[in-house]
Amino acid sequence: MDVLLVIDMQQGLFDNPRHQDAQVIANINRLADRVRGQHGRVIYVQHDEPGSELEPGSAGWQLHADLAPSPHDSRVRKTACDSFLDTELGFLLAEQSVDRLLICGCATDFCVDTTLRSAAARGFDAFAVTDAHTTADRPHLSAEQIIQHHHFMWRHLSLPQGRSVTLLTTDELLATI
């Protein structure tokens, strides 16, 4: 079974511009529809950060308004960049026979990267959807440069037992589902 993990696509993180955010959201919605249609699972991860735009329950904490979650999708709350750390994500995935863990969301250089590495280290067949994650410009690099850098890093991760992270675009991935 495929599991789509949508990380931190919360309204408050999009108050400032994100790289190709409309296209990223559209791609996530396309992926979620297809995964659901193939009896896979969609899990939305939300970051809790009291006293910030991600204050639990606040408008900024909510999923982005342009996402299209289903009532059957799961939600996981986290307080660190790693979506597995001190959350129920590992237990949710253990309930399934996960063939592929498809990872997307925000922000490439924080929670997406950390979760992708954690998933790969835990033995999941991790897929980075290259046009379904985003970030913002940083003082030292543009968002586009950050994304390109992470794609390079993910392709060259040193993982045990010959495992690797697979990088595919939304269209390439949809062709395999």
C-alpha atoms as a PDB file:
ATOM      1  CA  MET A   1       0.000   0.000   0.000  1.00  0.00           C
ATOM      2  CA  ASP A   2       1.104   3.550  -0.718  1.00  0.00           C
ATOM      3  CA  VAL A   3       0.973   6.106   2.082  1.00  0.00           C
ATOM      4  CA  LEU A   4       1.096   9.813   1.266  1.00  0.00           C
ATOM      5  CA  LEU A   5       2.617  11.835   4.073  1.00  0.00           C
ATOM      6  CA  VAL A   6       1.732  15.543   3.781  1.00  0.00           C
ATOM      7  CA  ILE A   7       3.945  17.535   6.135  1.00  0.00           C
ATOM      8  CA  ASP A   8       3.106  20.936   7.656  1.00  0.00           C
ATOM      9  CA  MET A   9       0.957  22.325   4.859  1.00  0.00           C
ATOM     10  CA  GLN A  10      -0.559  24.758   7.346  1.00  0.00           C
ATOM     11  CA  GLN A  11      -2.093  28.138   6.656  1.00  0.00           C
ATOM     12  CA  GLY A  12       0.310  30.071   8.887  1.00  0.00           C
ATOM     13  CA  LEU A  13       3.347  28.835   6.957  1.00  0.00           C
ATOM     14  CA  PHE A  14       1.954  30.356   3.775  1.00  0.00           C
ATOM     15  CA  ASP A  15       1.458  33.888   5.101  1.00  0.00           C
ATOM     16  CA  ASN A  16       4.799  34.589   3.412  1.00  0.00           C
ATOM     17  CA  PRO A  17       5.565  33.422  -0.147  1.00  0.00           C
ATOM     18  CA  ARG A  18       6.637  29.836  -0.725  1.00  0.00           C
ATOM     19  CA  HIS A  19       8.253  28.544  -3.884  1.00  0.00           C
ATOM     20  CA  GLN A  20       5.581  27.528  -6.436  1.00  0.00           C
ATOM     21  CA  ASP A  21       3.068  27.084  -3.625  1.00  0.00           C
ATOM     22  CA  ALA A  22      -0.049  26.883  -5.836  1.00  0.00           C
ATOM     23  CA  GLN A  23       1.514  24.138  -7.985  1.00  0.00           C
ATOM     24  CA  VAL A  24       2.746  22.247  -4.918  1.00  0.00           C
ATOM     25  CA  ILE A  25      -0.747  22.289  -3.400  1.00  0.00           C
ATOM     26  CA  ALA A  26      -2.324  21.180  -6.688  1.00  0.00           C
ATOM     27  CA  ASN A  27       0.172  18.307  -6.926  1.00  0.00           C
ATOM     28  CA  ILE A  28      -0.506  17.226  -3.351  1.00  0.00           C
ATOM     29  CA  ASN A  29      -4.252  17.180  -4.042  1.00  0.00           C
ATOM     30  CA  ARG A  30      -3.707  15.099  -7.209  1.00  0.00           C
ATOM     31  CA  LEU A  31      -1.540  12.635  -5.308  1.00  0.00           C
ATOM     32  CA  ALA A  32      -3.989  12.386  -2.413  1.00  0.00           C
ATOM     33  CA  ASP A  33      -6.884  11.664  -4.776  1.00  0.00           C
ATOM     34  CA  ARG A  34      -4.964   8.918  -6.559  1.00  0.00           C
ATOM     35  CA  VAL A  35      -3.632   7.306  -3.370  1.00  0.00           C
ATOM     36  CA  ARG A  36      -7.141   7.251  -1.873  1.00  0.00           C
ATOM     37  CA  GLY A  37      -8.520   5.844  -5.134  1.00  0.00           C
ATOM     38  CA  GLN A  38      -6.038   2.974  -4.922  1.00  0.00           C
ATOM     39  CA  HIS A  39      -6.991   2.216  -1.292  1.00  0.00           C
ATOM     40  CA  GLY A  40      -3.849   3.826   0.072  1.00  0.00           C
ATOM     41  CA  ARG A  41      -3.671   6.108   3.060  1.00  0.00           C
ATOM     42  CA  VAL A  42      -3.191   9.874   3.335  1.00  0.00           C
ATOM     43  CA  ILE A  43      -1.724  11.304   6.534  1.00  0.00           C
ATOM     44  CA  TYR A  44      -1.560  15.039   7.229  1.00  0.00           C
ATOM     45  CA  VAL A  45       1.087  16.091   9.739  1.00  0.00           C
ATOM     46  CA  GLN A  46       0.583  19.370  11.592  1.00  0.00           C
ATOM     47  CA  HIS A  47       3.227  21.173  13.604  1.00  0.00           C
ATOM     48  CA  ASP A  48       2.234  22.496  17.044  1.00  0.00           C
ATOM     49  CA  GLU A  49       4.139  25.558  18.213  1.00  0.00           C
ATOM     50  CA  PRO A  50       2.449  27.503  21.012  1.00  0.00           C
ATOM     51  CA  GLY A  51       2.930  31.247  20.821  1.00  0.00           C
ATOM     52  CA  SER A  52       3.507  31.249  17.056  1.00  0.00           C
ATOM     53  CA  GLU A  53       1.490  31.203  13.841  1.00  0.00           C
ATOM     54  CA  LEU A  54       1.222  27.439  14.478  1.00  0.00           C
ATOM     55  CA  GLU A  55      -0.548  27.799  17.814  1.00  0.00           C
ATOM     56  CA  PRO A  56      -2.725  24.670  18.042  1.00  0.00           C
ATOM     57  CA  GLY A  57      -6.315  25.459  17.106  1.00  0.00           C
ATOM     58  CA  SER A  58      -5.478  28.868  15.618  1.00  0.00           C
ATOM     59  CA  ALA A  59      -6.284  29.886  12.030  1.00  0.00           C
ATOM     60  CA  GLY A  60      -2.596  29.555  11.120  1.00  0.00           C
ATOM     61  CA  TRP A  61      -2.424  26.014  12.514  1.00  0.00           C
ATOM     62  CA  GLN A  62      -5.190  24.777  10.187  1.00  0.00           C
ATOM     63  CA  LEU A  63      -4.405  22.935   6.972  1.00  0.00           C
ATOM     64  CA  HIS A  64      -3.993  25.227   3.975  1.00  0.00           C
ATOM     65  CA  ALA A  65      -7.411  26.246   2.650  1.00  0.00           C
ATOM     66  CA  ASP A  66      -6.634  24.930  -0.855  1.00  0.00           C
ATOM     67  CA  LEU A  67      -5.898  21.391   0.307  1.00  0.00           C
ATOM     68  CA  ALA A  68      -8.676  18.846  -0.073  1.00  0.00           C
ATOM     69  CA  PRO A  69      -8.454  16.421   2.860  1.00  0.00           C
ATOM     70  CA  SER A  70     -10.959  13.601   3.182  1.00  0.00           C
ATOM     71  CA  PRO A  71     -12.696  12.739   6.457  1.00  0.00           C
ATOM     72  CA  HIS A  72     -11.009   9.332   6.129  1.00  0.00           C
ATOM     73  CA  ASP A  73      -7.492  10.794   6.123  1.00  0.00           C
ATOM     74  CA  SER A  74      -5.407  10.625   9.272  1.00  0.00           C
ATOM     75  CA  ARG A  75      -3.882  13.526  11.197  1.00  0.00           C
ATOM     76  CA  VAL A  76      -0.690  13.522  13.235  1.00  0.00           C
ATOM     77  CA  ARG A  77       0.465  16.347  15.481  1.00  0.00           C
ATOM     78  CA  LYS A  78       4.144  16.958  16.123  1.00  0.00           C
ATOM     79  CA  THR A  79       6.407  19.387  17.962  1.00  0.00           C
ATOM     80  CA  ALA A  80       9.741  18.706  16.216  1.00  0.00           C
ATOM     81  CA  CYS A  81      11.010  18.585  12.637  1.00  0.00           C
ATOM     82  CA  ASP A  82      10.931  14.777  12.642  1.00  0.00           C
ATOM     83  CA  SER A  83       7.338  13.641  12.081  1.00  0.00           C
ATOM     84  CA  PHE A  84       8.183  10.324  13.788  1.00  0.00           C
ATOM     85  CA  LEU A  85       9.632  11.798  16.995  1.00  0.00           C
ATOM     86  CA  ASP A  86       7.217  11.515  19.935  1.00  0.00           C
ATOM     87  CA  THR A  87       4.191  11.080  17.641  1.00  0.00           C
ATOM     88  CA  GLU A  88       1.854   8.261  16.713  1.00  0.00           C
ATOM     89  CA  LEU A  89       3.094   8.209  13.076  1.00  0.00           C
ATOM     90  CA  GLY A  90       5.179   5.080  13.537  1.00  0.00           C
ATOM     91  CA  PHE A  91       2.199   3.277  15.079  1.00  0.00           C
ATOM     92  CA  LEU A  92      -0.139   4.372  12.257  1.00  0.00           C
ATOM     93  CA  LEU A  93       2.305   3.078   9.670  1.00  0.00           C
ATOM     94  CA  ALA A  94       2.848  -0.179  11.574  1.00  0.00           C
ATOM     95  CA  GLU A  95      -0.897  -0.873  11.232  1.00  0.00           C
ATOM     96  CA  GLN A  96      -0.477  -0.953   7.438  1.00  0.00           C
ATOM     97  CA  SER A  97       1.528  -2.949   4.980  1.00  0.00           C
ATOM     98  CA  VAL A  98       3.377   0.100   3.655  1.00  0.00           C
ATOM     99  CA  ASP A  99       4.952  -0.499   0.266  1.00  0.00           C
ATOM    100  CA  ARG A 100       5.965   3.098  -0.406  1.00  0.00           C
ATOM    101  CA  LEU A 101       6.008   6.183   1.798  1.00  0.00           C
ATOM    102  CA  LEU A 102       5.428   9.213  -0.443  1.00  0.00           C
ATOM    103  CA  ILE A 103       6.671  12.381   1.243  1.00  0.00           C
ATOM    104  CA  CYS A 104       5.702  15.949   0.413  1.00  0.00           C
ATOM    105  CA  GLY A 105       4.910  19.235   2.152  1.00  0.00           C
ATOM    106  CA  CYS A 106       6.614  22.205   3.765  1.00  0.00           C
ATOM    107  CA  ALA A 107       9.383  23.131   4.477  1.00  0.00           C
ATOM    108  CA  THR A 108      11.909  21.309   2.322  1.00  0.00           C
ATOM    109  CA  ASP A 109      14.879  22.323   4.460  1.00  0.00           C
ATOM    110  CA  PHE A 110      13.310  21.579   7.825  1.00  0.00           C
ATOM    111  CA  CYS A 111      10.526  19.067   8.434  1.00  0.00           C
ATOM    112  CA  VAL A 112      10.392  17.479   4.966  1.00  0.00           C
ATOM    113  CA  ASP A 113      14.118  16.760   4.977  1.00  0.00           C
ATOM    114  CA  THR A 114      14.208  15.529   8.572  1.00  0.00           C
ATOM    115  CA  THR A 115      11.169  13.280   8.123  1.00  0.00           C
ATOM    116  CA  LEU A 116      12.436  11.866   4.821  1.00  0.00           C
ATOM    117  CA  ARG A 117      15.783  10.956   6.386  1.00  0.00           C
ATOM    118  CA  SER A 118      14.070   9.486   9.444  1.00  0.00           C
ATOM    119  CA  ALA A 119      11.738   7.385   7.273  1.00  0.00           C
ATOM    120  CA  ALA A 120      14.631   6.053   5.214  1.00  0.00           C
ATOM    121  CA  ALA A 121      16.643   5.269   8.347  1.00  0.00           C
ATOM    122  CA  ARG A 122      13.641   3.370   9.729  1.00  0.00           C
ATOM    123  CA  GLY A 123      13.612   1.132   6.651  1.00  0.00           C
ATOM    124  CA  PHE A 124      10.691   2.635   4.728  1.00  0.00           C
ATOM    125  CA  ASP A 125      10.827   2.742   0.945  1.00  0.00           C
ATOM    126  CA  ALA A 126      10.840   6.557   0.969  1.00  0.00           C
ATOM    127  CA  PHE A 127       9.883   8.631  -2.053  1.00  0.00           C
ATOM    128  CA  ALA A 128      10.435  12.380  -2.301  1.00  0.00           C
ATOM    129  CA  VAL A 129       7.889  13.953  -4.624  1.00  0.00           C
ATOM    130  CA  THR A 130      10.111  16.576  -6.201  1.00  0.00           C
ATOM    131  CA  ASP A 131       7.383  19.021  -7.246  1.00  0.00           C
ATOM    132  CA  ALA A 132       5.199  18.576  -4.166  1.00  0.00           C
ATOM    133  CA  HIS A 133       7.364  20.150  -1.481  1.00  0.00           C
ATOM    134  CA  THR A 134       8.278  23.759  -0.939  1.00  0.00           C
ATOM    135  CA  THR A 135      10.129  26.249   1.198  1.00  0.00           C
ATOM    136  CA  ALA A 136      10.815  29.973   1.414  1.00  0.00           C
ATOM    137  CA  ASP A 137      13.827  32.015   0.448  1.00  0.00           C
ATOM    138  CA  ARG A 138      16.419  32.119   3.223  1.00  0.00           C
ATOM    139  CA  PRO A 139      19.045  34.819   3.857  1.00  0.00           C
ATOM    140  CA  HIS A 140      21.778  32.767   2.159  1.00  0.00           C
ATOM    141  CA  LEU A 141      19.878  30.870  -0.587  1.00  0.00           C
ATOM    142  CA  SER A 142      16.752  31.151  -2.687  1.00  0.00           C
ATOM    143  CA  ALA A 143      13.989  28.595  -2.188  1.00  0.00           C
ATOM    144  CA  GLU A 144      14.759  27.144  -5.608  1.00  0.00           C
ATOM    145  CA  GLN A 145      18.438  26.643  -4.665  1.00  0.00           C
ATOM    146  CA  ILE A 146      17.454  25.022  -1.369  1.00  0.00           C
ATOM    147  CA  ILE A 147      15.135  22.591  -3.161  1.00  0.00           C
ATOM    148  CA  GLN A 148      17.785  21.726  -5.767  1.00  0.00           C
ATOM    149  CA  HIS A 149      20.362  21.171  -3.016  1.00  0.00           C
ATOM    150  CA  HIS A 150      18.061  18.828  -1.114  1.00  0.00           C
ATOM    151  CA  HIS A 151      17.258  16.834  -4.246  1.00  0.00           C
ATOM    152  CA  PHE A 152      21.003  16.327  -4.725  1.00  0.00           C
ATOM    153  CA  MET A 153      21.471  15.324  -1.082  1.00  0.00           C
ATOM    154  CA  TRP A 154      18.543  12.884  -1.087  1.00  0.00           C
ATOM    155  CA  ARG A 155      19.841  11.188  -4.236  1.00  0.00           C
ATOM    156  CA  HIS A 156      23.195  10.632  -2.543  1.00  0.00           C
ATOM    157  CA  LEU A 157      22.221   9.642   0.990  1.00  0.00           C
ATOM    158  CA  SER A 158      24.263   6.830   2.417  1.00  0.00           C
ATOM    159  CA  LEU A 159      21.731   4.341   3.774  1.00  0.00           C
ATOM    160  CA  PRO A 160      22.216   0.829   5.134  1.00  0.00           C
ATOM    161  CA  GLN A 161      21.519  -2.361   3.191  1.00  0.00           C
ATOM    162  CA  GLY A 162      21.697  -0.668  -0.193  1.00  0.00           C
ATOM    163  CA  ARG A 163      18.531   1.344   0.367  1.00  0.00           C
ATOM    164  CA  SER A 164      18.028   4.720  -1.246  1.00  0.00           C
ATOM    165  CA  VAL A 165      15.489   7.514  -1.476  1.00  0.00           C
ATOM    166  CA  THR A 166      13.595   7.634  -4.764  1.00  0.00           C
ATOM    167  CA  LEU A 167      12.909  11.046  -6.300  1.00  0.00           C
ATOM    168  CA  LEU A 168       9.994  11.380  -8.727  1.00  0.00           C
ATOM    169  CA  THR A 169       7.786  14.187  -9.975  1.00  0.00           C
ATOM    170  CA  THR A 170       4.057  14.031  -9.375  1.00  0.00           C
ATOM    171  CA  ASP A 171       3.419  12.918 -12.954  1.00  0.00           C
ATOM    172  CA  GLU A 172       6.097  10.220 -12.765  1.00  0.00           C
ATOM    173  CA  LEU A 173       4.681   8.945  -9.500  1.00  0.00           C
ATOM    174  CA  LEU A 174       1.074   9.013 -10.723  1.00  0.00           C
ATOM    175  CA  ALA A 175       2.124   6.832 -13.645  1.00  0.00           C
ATOM    176  CA  THR A 176       3.182   4.133 -11.145  1.00  0.00           C
ATOM    177  CA  ILE A 177       0.071   4.173  -8.938  1.00  0.00           C
END
